[in-house]
């Protein structure tokens, strides 16, 4: 499944912190998250989790830092 990119996106392939208001993170290759801030989410942290290629997560994501891999941080207000 391909993400709706009509609202724009930020390509992330480094280990710097990236901030904004993202509605979806699409993982274009196997990717490990170092840190992530998502509003209104409960449960365990996603830090250290590996997301396989061609998957995504949705929510109000305001910050993401990768350990490895690459993703598109989608800025559209579309639904997942």
PDB file of N, CA and C in Angstrom:
ATOM      1  N   UNK A   1       0.841  -1.180   0.000  1.00  0.00           N
ATOM      2  CA  UNK A   1       0.000   0.000   0.000  1.00  0.00           C
ATOM      3  C   UNK A   1       0.884   1.240   0.000  1.00  0.00           C
ATOM      4  N   UNK A   2       0.579   2.188  -0.833  1.00  0.00           N
ATOM      5  CA  UNK A   2       1.355   3.415  -0.912  1.00  0.00           C
ATOM      6  C   UNK A   2       0.628   4.542  -0.186  1.00  0.00           C
ATOM      7  N   UNK A   3       1.398   5.389   0.432  1.00  0.00           N
ATOM      8  CA  UNK A   3       0.847   6.488   1.218  1.00  0.00           C
ATOM      9  C   UNK A   3       0.337   7.603   0.307  1.00  0.00           C
ATOM     10  N   UNK A   4      -0.666   8.352   0.798  1.00  0.00           N
ATOM     11  CA  UNK A   4      -1.157   9.539   0.107  1.00  0.00           C
ATOM     12  C   UNK A   4      -0.185  10.675   0.373  1.00  0.00           C
ATOM     13  N   UNK A   5       0.482  11.162  -0.651  1.00  0.00           N
ATOM     14  CA  UNK A   5       1.501  12.191  -0.496  1.00  0.00           C
ATOM     15  C   UNK A   5       1.014  13.565  -0.944  1.00  0.00           C
ATOM     16  N   UNK A   6      -0.286  13.729  -1.098  1.00  0.00           N
ATOM     17  CA  UNK A   6      -0.824  14.976  -1.639  1.00  0.00           C
ATOM     18  C   UNK A   6      -0.563  16.179  -0.734  1.00  0.00           C
ATOM     19  N   UNK A   7      -0.389  15.974   0.561  1.00  0.00           N
ATOM     20  CA  UNK A   7      -0.133  17.079   1.479  1.00  0.00           C
ATOM     21  C   UNK A   7       1.336  17.338   1.699  1.00  0.00           C
ATOM     22  N   UNK A   8       2.187  16.536   1.096  1.00  0.00           N
ATOM     23  CA  UNK A   8       3.622  16.694   1.244  1.00  0.00           C
ATOM     24  C   UNK A   8       4.212  15.724   2.256  1.00  0.00           C
ATOM     25  N   UNK A   9       5.531  15.664   2.263  1.00  0.00           N
ATOM     26  CA  UNK A   9       6.223  14.766   3.189  1.00  0.00           C
ATOM     27  C   UNK A   9       7.650  15.246   3.392  1.00  0.00           C
ATOM     28  N   UNK A  10       8.263  14.708   4.443  1.00  0.00           N
ATOM     29  CA  UNK A  10       9.684  14.931   4.709  1.00  0.00           C
ATOM     30  C   UNK A  10      10.380  13.583   4.617  1.00  0.00           C
ATOM     31  N   UNK A  11      11.376  13.482   3.754  1.00  0.00           N
ATOM     32  CA  UNK A  11      12.151  12.251   3.637  1.00  0.00           C
ATOM     33  C   UNK A  11      13.199  12.246   4.745  1.00  0.00           C
ATOM     34  N   UNK A  12      13.241  11.158   5.514  1.00  0.00           N
ATOM     35  CA  UNK A  12      14.168  11.057   6.639  1.00  0.00           C
ATOM     36  C   UNK A  12      15.022   9.806   6.457  1.00  0.00           C
ATOM     37  N   UNK A  13      16.349  10.002   6.425  1.00  0.00           N
ATOM     38  CA  UNK A  13      17.270   8.870   6.300  1.00  0.00           C
ATOM     39  C   UNK A  13      18.502   9.063   7.184  1.00  0.00           C
ATOM     40  N   UNK A  14      18.404   9.977   8.145  1.00  0.00           N
ATOM     41  CA  UNK A  14      19.532  10.229   9.043  1.00  0.00           C
ATOM     42  C   UNK A  14      19.122   9.957  10.487  1.00  0.00           C
ATOM     43  N   UNK A  15      20.004  10.253  11.422  1.00  0.00           N
ATOM     44  CA  UNK A  15      19.728   9.992  12.835  1.00  0.00           C
ATOM     45  C   UNK A  15      19.466  11.277  13.620  1.00  0.00           C
ATOM     46  N   UNK A  16      19.141  12.361  12.920  1.00  0.00           N
ATOM     47  CA  UNK A  16      18.786  13.617  13.571  1.00  0.00           C
ATOM     48  C   UNK A  16      17.319  13.594  13.974  1.00  0.00           C
ATOM     49  N   UNK A  17      16.961  14.397  14.963  1.00  0.00           N
ATOM     50  CA  UNK A  17      15.553  14.552  15.346  1.00  0.00           C
ATOM     51  C   UNK A  17      14.840  15.396  14.290  1.00  0.00           C
ATOM     52  N   UNK A  18      13.653  14.972  13.894  1.00  0.00           N
ATOM     53  CA  UNK A  18      12.834  15.700  12.928  1.00  0.00           C
ATOM     54  C   UNK A  18      11.507  16.029  13.589  1.00  0.00           C
ATOM     55  N   UNK A  19      11.137  17.308  13.540  1.00  0.00           N
ATOM     56  CA  UNK A  19       9.901  17.745  14.177  1.00  0.00           C
ATOM     57  C   UNK A  19       8.952  18.337  13.153  1.00  0.00           C
ATOM     58  N   UNK A  20       7.690  18.309  13.489  1.00  0.00           N
ATOM     59  CA  UNK A  20       6.644  18.834  12.621  1.00  0.00           C
ATOM     60  C   UNK A  20       5.321  18.288  13.098  1.00  0.00           C
ATOM     61  N   UNK A  21       4.353  18.297  12.223  1.00  0.00           N
ATOM     62  CA  UNK A  21       3.056  17.684  12.514  1.00  0.00           C
ATOM     63  C   UNK A  21       2.786  16.690  11.391  1.00  0.00           C
ATOM     64  N   UNK A  22       3.099  15.452  11.679  1.00  0.00           N
ATOM     65  CA  UNK A  22       2.980  14.390  10.692  1.00  0.00           C
ATOM     66  C   UNK A  22       1.765  13.525  11.023  1.00  0.00           C
ATOM     67  N   UNK A  23       1.044  13.095   9.996  1.00  0.00           N
ATOM     68  CA  UNK A  23      -0.122  12.240  10.216  1.00  0.00           C
ATOM     69  C   UNK A  23       0.192  10.768   9.996  1.00  0.00           C
ATOM     70  N   UNK A  24       1.277  10.504   9.292  1.00  0.00           N
ATOM     71  CA  UNK A  24       1.626   9.116   8.978  1.00  0.00           C
ATOM     72  C   UNK A  24       3.129   9.030   8.764  1.00  0.00           C
ATOM     73  N   UNK A  25       3.717   7.936   9.219  1.00  0.00           N
ATOM     74  CA  UNK A  25       5.116   7.638   8.931  1.00  0.00           C
ATOM     75  C   UNK A  25       5.125   6.370   8.075  1.00  0.00           C
ATOM     76  N   UNK A  26       5.619   6.488   6.866  1.00  0.00           N
ATOM     77  CA  UNK A  26       5.718   5.355   5.938  1.00  0.00           C
ATOM     78  C   UNK A  26       7.170   4.896   5.906  1.00  0.00           C
ATOM     79  N   UNK A  27       7.398   3.637   6.237  1.00  0.00           N
ATOM     80  CA  UNK A  27       8.754   3.078   6.275  1.00  0.00           C
ATOM     81  C   UNK A  27       9.060   2.442   4.931  1.00  0.00           C
ATOM     82  N   UNK A  28       9.964   3.076   4.182  1.00  0.00           N
ATOM     83  CA  UNK A  28      10.282   2.602   2.829  1.00  0.00           C
ATOM     84  C   UNK A  28      11.281   1.456   2.826  1.00  0.00           C
ATOM     85  N   UNK A  29      11.932   1.226   3.953  1.00  0.00           N
ATOM     86  CA  UNK A  29      12.846   0.097   4.130  1.00  0.00           C
ATOM     87  C   UNK A  29      12.810  -0.277   5.607  1.00  0.00           C
ATOM     88  N   UNK A  30      13.393  -1.412   5.974  1.00  0.00           N
ATOM     89  CA  UNK A  30      13.423  -1.788   7.382  1.00  0.00           C
ATOM     90  C   UNK A  30      14.049  -0.655   8.186  1.00  0.00           C
ATOM     91  N   UNK A  31      13.348  -0.211   9.238  1.00  0.00           N
ATOM     92  CA  UNK A  31      13.736   1.000   9.966  1.00  0.00           C
ATOM     93  C   UNK A  31      13.577   0.787  11.463  1.00  0.00           C
ATOM     94  N   UNK A  32      14.540   1.291  12.225  1.00  0.00           N
ATOM     95  CA  UNK A  32      14.481   1.243  13.688  1.00  0.00           C
ATOM     96  C   UNK A  32      14.289   2.665  14.200  1.00  0.00           C
ATOM     97  N   UNK A  33      13.301   2.840  15.086  1.00  0.00           N
ATOM     98  CA  UNK A  33      13.028   4.144  15.696  1.00  0.00           C
ATOM     99  C   UNK A  33      13.849   4.296  16.961  1.00  0.00           C
ATOM    100  N   UNK A  34      14.537   5.415  17.094  1.00  0.00           N
ATOM    101  CA  UNK A  34      15.257   5.736  18.321  1.00  0.00           C
ATOM    102  C   UNK A  34      14.337   6.450  19.307  1.00  0.00           C
ATOM    103  N   UNK A  35      13.555   7.427  18.823  1.00  0.00           N
ATOM    104  CA  UNK A  35      12.624   8.176  19.661  1.00  0.00           C
ATOM    105  C   UNK A  35      11.479   8.679  18.801  1.00  0.00           C
ATOM    106  N   UNK A  36      10.292   8.751  19.409  1.00  0.00           N
ATOM    107  CA  UNK A  36       9.119   9.257  18.681  1.00  0.00           C
ATOM    108  C   UNK A  36       8.157   9.869  19.692  1.00  0.00           C
ATOM    109  N   UNK A  37       7.514  10.961  19.290  1.00  0.00           N
ATOM    110  CA  UNK A  37       6.485  11.586  20.118  1.00  0.00           C
ATOM    111  C   UNK A  37       5.182  11.556  19.334  1.00  0.00           C
ATOM    112  N   UNK A  38       4.181  10.895  19.933  1.00  0.00           N
ATOM    113  CA  UNK A  38       2.866  10.765  19.308  1.00  0.00           C
ATOM    114  C   UNK A  38       1.826  11.195  20.341  1.00  0.00           C
ATOM    115  N   UNK A  39       0.941  12.107  19.961  1.00  0.00           N
ATOM    116  CA  UNK A  39      -0.096  12.584  20.888  1.00  0.00           C
ATOM    117  C   UNK A  39      -1.186  11.541  21.060  1.00  0.00           C
ATOM    118  N   UNK A  40      -1.725  11.479  22.280  1.00  0.00           N
ATOM    119  CA  UNK A  40      -2.879  10.639  22.612  1.00  0.00           C
ATOM    120  C   UNK A  40      -2.638   9.153  22.363  1.00  0.00           C
ATOM    121  N   UNK A  41      -1.446   8.697  22.694  1.00  0.00           N
ATOM    122  CA  UNK A  41      -1.113   7.276  22.532  1.00  0.00           C
ATOM    123  C   UNK A  41      -0.786   6.701  23.899  1.00  0.00           C
ATOM    124  N   UNK A  42      -1.268   5.504  24.156  1.00  0.00           N
ATOM    125  CA  UNK A  42      -0.965   4.820  25.408  1.00  0.00           C
ATOM    126  C   UNK A  42      -0.222   3.533  25.103  1.00  0.00           C
ATOM    127  N   UNK A  43       0.319   2.918  26.131  1.00  0.00           N
ATOM    128  CA  UNK A  43       1.020   1.647  25.952  1.00  0.00           C
ATOM    129  C   UNK A  43       2.519   1.839  26.005  1.00  0.00           C
ATOM    130  N   UNK A  44       3.219   0.842  25.562  1.00  0.00           N
ATOM    131  CA  UNK A  44       4.676   0.844  25.605  1.00  0.00           C
ATOM    132  C   UNK A  44       5.265   1.778  24.546  1.00  0.00           C
ATOM    133  N   UNK A  45       6.496   2.158  24.750  1.00  0.00           N
ATOM    134  CA  UNK A  45       7.210   3.037  23.830  1.00  0.00           C
ATOM    135  C   UNK A  45       7.530   2.311  22.516  1.00  0.00           C
ATOM    136  N   UNK A  46       7.556   3.067  21.439  1.00  0.00           N
ATOM    137  CA  UNK A  46       7.970   2.525  20.145  1.00  0.00           C
ATOM    138  C   UNK A  46       9.474   2.628  19.939  1.00  0.00           C
ATOM    139  N   UNK A  47      10.170   3.280  20.874  1.00  0.00           N
ATOM    140  CA  UNK A  47      11.632   3.405  20.776  1.00  0.00           C
ATOM    141  C   UNK A  47      12.268   2.026  20.763  1.00  0.00           C
ATOM    142  N   UNK A  48      13.163   1.816  19.819  1.00  0.00           N
ATOM    143  CA  UNK A  48      13.844   0.539  19.690  1.00  0.00           C
ATOM    144  C   UNK A  48      13.115  -0.470  18.819  1.00  0.00           C
ATOM    145  N   UNK A  49      11.907  -0.150  18.407  1.00  0.00           N
ATOM    146  CA  UNK A  49      11.131  -1.067  17.577  1.00  0.00           C
ATOM    147  C   UNK A  49      11.596  -1.013  16.124  1.00  0.00           C
ATOM    148  N   UNK A  50      11.555  -2.153  15.463  1.00  0.00           N
ATOM    149  CA  UNK A  50      11.883  -2.249  14.045  1.00  0.00           C
ATOM    150  C   UNK A  50      10.592  -2.344  13.250  1.00  0.00           C
ATOM    151  N   UNK A  51      10.463  -1.506  12.237  1.00  0.00           N
ATOM    152  CA  UNK A  51       9.331  -1.538  11.328  1.00  0.00           C
ATOM    153  C   UNK A  51       9.837  -2.014   9.975  1.00  0.00           C
ATOM    154  N   UNK A  52       9.201  -3.037   9.443  1.00  0.00           N
ATOM    155  CA  UNK A  52       9.663  -3.603   8.175  1.00  0.00           C
ATOM    156  C   UNK A  52       9.255  -2.698   7.020  1.00  0.00           C
ATOM    157  N   UNK A  53       9.919  -2.870   5.913  1.00  0.00           N
ATOM    158  CA  UNK A  53       9.657  -2.068   4.722  1.00  0.00           C
ATOM    159  C   UNK A  53       8.202  -2.180   4.304  1.00  0.00           C
ATOM    160  N   UNK A  54       7.671  -1.066   3.773  1.00  0.00           N
ATOM    161  CA  UNK A  54       6.322  -0.974   3.229  1.00  0.00           C
ATOM    162  C   UNK A  54       5.239  -1.077   4.301  1.00  0.00           C
ATOM    163  N   UNK A  55       5.537  -0.581   5.513  1.00  0.00           N
ATOM    164  CA  UNK A  55       4.530  -0.474   6.566  1.00  0.00           C
ATOM    165  C   UNK A  55       4.450   0.975   7.009  1.00  0.00           C
ATOM    166  N   UNK A  56       3.433   1.290   7.814  1.00  0.00           N
ATOM    167  CA  UNK A  56       3.294   2.659   8.294  1.00  0.00           C
ATOM    168  C   UNK A  56       2.601   2.688   9.643  1.00  0.00           C
ATOM    169  N   UNK A  57       2.752   3.817  10.345  1.00  0.00           N
ATOM    170  CA  UNK A  57       2.011   4.095  11.562  1.00  0.00           C
ATOM    171  C   UNK A  57       1.320   5.440  11.378  1.00  0.00           C
ATOM    172  N   UNK A  58       0.204   5.617  12.075  1.00  0.00           N
ATOM    173  CA  UNK A  58      -0.590   6.836  11.959  1.00  0.00           C
ATOM    174  C   UNK A  58      -0.789   7.473  13.322  1.00  0.00           C
ATOM    175  N   UNK A  59      -1.100   8.747  13.308  1.00  0.00           N
ATOM    176  CA  UNK A  59      -1.384   9.478  14.527  1.00  0.00           C
ATOM    177  C   UNK A  59      -0.966  10.921  14.364  1.00  0.00           C
ATOM    178  N   UNK A  60      -0.954  11.646  15.469  1.00  0.00           N
ATOM    179  CA  UNK A  60      -0.431  13.014  15.468  1.00  0.00           C
ATOM    180  C   UNK A  60       0.995  12.908  15.975  1.00  0.00           C
ATOM    181  N   UNK A  61       1.917  12.822  15.046  1.00  0.00           N
ATOM    182  CA  UNK A  61       3.326  12.582  15.341  1.00  0.00           C
ATOM    183  C   UNK A  61       4.048  13.919  15.246  1.00  0.00           C
ATOM    184  N   UNK A  62       4.702  14.316  16.329  1.00  0.00           N
ATOM    185  CA  UNK A  62       5.341  15.637  16.355  1.00  0.00           C
ATOM    186  C   UNK A  62       6.859  15.569  16.353  1.00  0.00           C
ATOM    187  N   UNK A  63       7.424  14.380  16.518  1.00  0.00           N
ATOM    188  CA  UNK A  63       8.877  14.239  16.490  1.00  0.00           C
ATOM    189  C   UNK A  63       9.238  12.789  16.227  1.00  0.00           C
ATOM    190  N   UNK A  64      10.287  12.587  15.429  1.00  0.00           N
ATOM    191  CA  UNK A  64      10.791  11.231  15.189  1.00  0.00           C
ATOM    192  C   UNK A  64      12.299  11.287  14.967  1.00  0.00           C
ATOM    193  N   UNK A  65      12.990  10.325  15.548  1.00  0.00           N
ATOM    194  CA  UNK A  65      14.427  10.143  15.368  1.00  0.00           C
ATOM    195  C   UNK A  65      14.654   8.683  15.032  1.00  0.00           C
ATOM    196  N   UNK A  66      15.431   8.417  13.994  1.00  0.00           N
ATOM    197  CA  UNK A  66      15.710   7.045  13.573  1.00  0.00           C
ATOM    198  C   UNK A  66      17.075   6.591  14.084  1.00  0.00           C
ATOM    199  N   UNK A  67      17.187   5.293  14.318  1.00  0.00           N
ATOM    200  CA  UNK A  67      18.479   4.657  14.573  1.00  0.00           C
ATOM    201  C   UNK A  67      19.083   4.208  13.255  1.00  0.00           C
ATOM    202  N   UNK A  68      18.222   3.663  12.389  1.00  0.00           N
ATOM    203  CA  UNK A  68      18.643   3.201  11.064  1.00  0.00           C
ATOM    204  C   UNK A  68      17.430   3.149  10.154  1.00  0.00           C
ATOM    205  N   UNK A  69      17.679   3.050   8.860  1.00  0.00           N
ATOM    206  CA  UNK A  69      16.600   2.944   7.892  1.00  0.00           C
ATOM    207  C   UNK A  69      16.224   4.278   7.304  1.00  0.00           C
ATOM    208  N   UNK A  70      15.012   4.317   6.726  1.00  0.00           N
ATOM    209  CA  UNK A  70      14.517   5.535   6.071  1.00  0.00           C
ATOM    210  C   UNK A  70      12.998   5.505   6.046  1.00  0.00           C
ATOM    211  N   UNK A  71      12.411   6.713   6.084  1.00  0.00           N
ATOM    212  CA  UNK A  71      10.955   6.813   6.063  1.00  0.00           C
ATOM    213  C   UNK A  71      10.514   8.121   5.433  1.00  0.00           C
ATOM    214  N   UNK A  72       9.234   8.195   5.133  1.00  0.00           N
ATOM    215  CA  UNK A  72       8.592   9.423   4.688  1.00  0.00           C
ATOM    216  C   UNK A  72       7.673   9.857   5.824  1.00  0.00           C
ATOM    217  N   UNK A  73       7.884  11.042   6.361  1.00  0.00           N
ATOM    218  CA  UNK A  73       7.006  11.618   7.367  1.00  0.00           C
ATOM    219  C   UNK A  73       5.980  12.464   6.623  1.00  0.00           C
ATOM    220  N   UNK A  74       4.778  11.994   6.543  1.00  0.00           N
ATOM    221  CA  UNK A  74       3.743  12.585   5.697  1.00  0.00           C
ATOM    222  C   UNK A  74       3.009  13.671   6.450  1.00  0.00           C
ATOM    223  N   UNK A  75       2.911  14.854   5.846  1.00  0.00           N
ATOM    224  CA  UNK A  75       2.345  16.009   6.511  1.00  0.00           C
ATOM    225  C   UNK A  75       0.873  16.250   6.147  1.00  0.00           C
ATOM    226  N   UNK A  76       0.289  15.395   5.342  1.00  0.00           N
ATOM    227  CA  UNK A  76      -1.121  15.565   4.982  1.00  0.00           C
ATOM    228  C   UNK A  76      -1.994  15.247   6.192  1.00  0.00           C
ATOM    229  N   UNK A  77      -3.224  15.727   6.157  1.00  0.00           N
ATOM    230  CA  UNK A  77      -4.176  15.448   7.223  1.00  0.00           C
ATOM    231  C   UNK A  77      -5.087  14.293   6.871  1.00  0.00           C
ATOM    232  N   UNK A  78      -4.676  13.468   5.927  1.00  0.00           N
ATOM    233  CA  UNK A  78      -5.486  12.342   5.504  1.00  0.00           C
ATOM    234  C   UNK A  78      -5.585  11.261   6.561  1.00  0.00           C
ATOM    235  N   UNK A  79      -6.492  10.352   6.349  1.00  0.00           N
ATOM    236  CA  UNK A  79      -6.660   9.236   7.281  1.00  0.00           C
ATOM    237  C   UNK A  79      -5.761   8.085   6.879  1.00  0.00           C
ATOM    238  N   UNK A  80      -5.569   7.201   7.809  1.00  0.00           N
ATOM    239  CA  UNK A  80      -4.735   6.024   7.537  1.00  0.00           C
ATOM    240  C   UNK A  80      -5.537   4.940   6.872  1.00  0.00           C
TER     241      UNK A  80
END
